[in-house]
C-alpha atoms as a PDB file:
ATOM      1  CA  UNK A   1     -32.998  12.913  -5.347  1.00  0.00           C
ATOM      2  CA  UNK A   2     -30.568  15.812  -5.608  1.00  0.00           C
ATOM      3  CA  UNK A   3     -28.389  15.506  -8.733  1.00  0.00           C
ATOM      4  CA  UNK A   4     -24.361  15.984  -8.254  1.00  0.00           C
ATOM      5  CA  UNK A   5     -22.471  18.592 -10.238  1.00  0.00           C
ATOM      6  CA  UNK A   6     -20.845  17.474 -13.142  1.00  0.00           C
ATOM      7  CA  UNK A   7     -17.657  15.769 -13.094  1.00  0.00           C
ATOM      8  CA  UNK A   8     -18.296  14.196 -10.292  1.00  0.00           C
ATOM      9  CA  UNK A   9     -18.979  10.620  -9.775  1.00  0.00           C
ATOM     10  CA  UNK A  10     -22.090   9.367  -7.681  1.00  0.00           C
ATOM     11  CA  UNK A  11     -21.527   8.078  -4.445  1.00  0.00           C
ATOM     12  CA  UNK A  12     -22.288   5.156  -2.676  1.00  0.00           C
ATOM     13  CA  UNK A  13     -25.477   5.708  -0.017  1.00  0.00           C
ATOM     14  CA  UNK A  14     -26.977   3.291   2.561  1.00  0.00           C
ATOM     15  CA  UNK A  15     -30.555   3.375   2.123  1.00  0.00           C
ATOM     16  CA  UNK A  16     -31.527   3.312   5.571  1.00  0.00           C
ATOM     17  CA  UNK A  17     -35.264   1.109   5.402  1.00  0.00           C
ATOM     18  CA  UNK A  18     -33.566  -1.257   3.987  1.00  0.00           C
ATOM     19  CA  UNK A  19     -29.418  -1.730   5.014  1.00  0.00           C
ATOM     20  CA  UNK A  20     -28.640  -1.840   1.699  1.00  0.00           C
ATOM     21  CA  UNK A  21     -25.563   0.137  -0.816  1.00  0.00           C
ATOM     22  CA  UNK A  22     -26.704   1.700  -3.966  1.00  0.00           C
ATOM     23  CA  UNK A  23     -25.814   4.168  -6.398  1.00  0.00           C
ATOM     24  CA  UNK A  24     -27.863   6.277  -8.348  1.00  0.00           C
ATOM     25  CA  UNK A  25     -26.727   6.252 -11.766  1.00  0.00           C
ATOM     26  CA  UNK A  26     -28.211   8.482 -14.944  1.00  0.00           C
ATOM     27  CA  UNK A  27     -31.631   8.615 -13.344  1.00  0.00           C
ATOM     28  CA  UNK A  28     -32.288   4.623 -11.802  1.00  0.00           C
ATOM     29  CA  UNK A  29     -30.961   3.198  -8.320  1.00  0.00           C
ATOM     30  CA  UNK A  30     -28.390   0.632  -8.187  1.00  0.00           C
ATOM     31  CA  UNK A  31     -28.653  -2.042  -5.436  1.00  0.00           C
ATOM     32  CA  UNK A  32     -25.312  -3.067  -4.385  1.00  0.00           C
ATOM     33  CA  UNK A  33     -25.252  -5.469  -1.841  1.00  0.00           C
ATOM     34  CA  UNK A  34     -26.031  -4.896   2.314  1.00  0.00           C
ATOM     35  CA  UNK A  35     -24.249  -1.884   3.402  1.00  0.00           C
ATOM     36  CA  UNK A  36     -20.547  -1.542   4.721  1.00  0.00           C
ATOM     37  CA  UNK A  37     -20.103  -5.335   3.004  1.00  0.00           C
ATOM     38  CA  UNK A  38     -16.961  -5.715   0.230  1.00  0.00           C
ATOM     39  CA  UNK A  39     -18.822  -7.453  -1.975  1.00  0.00           C
ATOM     40  CA  UNK A  40     -21.115  -3.943  -2.010  1.00  0.00           C
ATOM     41  CA  UNK A  41     -18.101  -1.867  -2.563  1.00  0.00           C
ATOM     42  CA  UNK A  42     -17.005  -4.114  -5.500  1.00  0.00           C
ATOM     43  CA  UNK A  43     -20.632  -3.954  -7.373  1.00  0.00           C
ATOM     44  CA  UNK A  44     -20.296   0.087  -6.815  1.00  0.00           C
ATOM     45  CA  UNK A  45     -16.881   0.126  -8.458  1.00  0.00           C
ATOM     46  CA  UNK A  46     -17.841  -2.235 -10.722  1.00  0.00           C
ATOM     47  CA  UNK A  47     -20.795  -0.289 -11.790  1.00  0.00           C
ATOM     48  CA  UNK A  48     -18.892   2.655 -11.781  1.00  0.00           C
ATOM     49  CA  UNK A  49     -16.129   1.687 -14.038  1.00  0.00           C
ATOM     50  CA  UNK A  50     -19.559   0.432 -16.502  1.00  0.00           C
ATOM     51  CA  UNK A  51     -20.276   4.069 -16.722  1.00  0.00           C
ATOM     52  CA  UNK A  52     -17.307   6.157 -16.985  1.00  0.00           C
ATOM     53  CA  UNK A  53     -16.489   2.854 -19.678  1.00  0.00           C
ATOM     54  CA  UNK A  54     -19.059   5.794 -21.938  1.00  0.00           C
ATOM     55  CA  UNK A  55     -22.045   2.870 -21.681  1.00  0.00           C
ATOM     56  CA  UNK A  56     -24.171   5.568 -19.846  1.00  0.00           C
ATOM     57  CA  UNK A  57     -25.708   3.374 -17.422  1.00  0.00           C
ATOM     58  CA  UNK A  58     -24.843   0.307 -16.533  1.00  0.00           C
ATOM     59  CA  UNK A  59     -26.846  -3.166 -17.596  1.00  0.00           C
ATOM     60  CA  UNK A  60     -29.287  -4.532 -15.807  1.00  0.00           C
ATOM     61  CA  UNK A  61     -27.301  -6.919 -14.238  1.00  0.00           C
ATOM     62  CA  UNK A  62     -28.531 -11.128 -13.043  1.00  0.00           C
ATOM     63  CA  UNK A  63     -29.555 -11.799  -9.398  1.00  0.00           C
ATOM     64  CA  UNK A  64     -31.475  -8.961  -8.477  1.00  0.00           C
ATOM     65  CA  UNK A  65     -28.496  -6.167  -8.158  1.00  0.00           C
ATOM     66  CA  UNK A  66     -30.136  -3.945 -10.932  1.00  0.00           C
ATOM     67  CA  UNK A  67     -32.072  -0.778 -11.075  1.00  0.00           C
ATOM     68  CA  UNK A  68     -35.419  -1.561  -9.185  1.00  0.00           C
ATOM     69  CA  UNK A  69     -38.506   0.683  -8.685  1.00  0.00           C
ATOM     70  CA  UNK A  70     -39.253  -0.073  -4.316  1.00  0.00           C
ATOM     71  CA  UNK A  71     -36.376  -2.248  -2.524  1.00  0.00           C
ATOM     72  CA  UNK A  72     -39.374  -3.349   0.023  1.00  0.00           C
ATOM     73  CA  UNK A  73     -41.070  -5.910  -0.547  1.00  0.00           C
ATOM     74  CA  UNK A  74     -44.979  -4.756  -0.559  1.00  0.00           C
END
């Protein structure tokens, strides 16, 4: 993955294979839900808020929305 410039926020990206929204923060991918949904946008804003608040990497949340190694089932 490409790195962001210093002082910029990670962007919400679309994973084409699964149709999910994700954001790459502090070396981890966080899956936010279906791309384009209000829930995905809200989850992204919560993660960015936690990141900006100084927690470094947002905590792994319950419900399968935390970082995962491979979002596509084998």
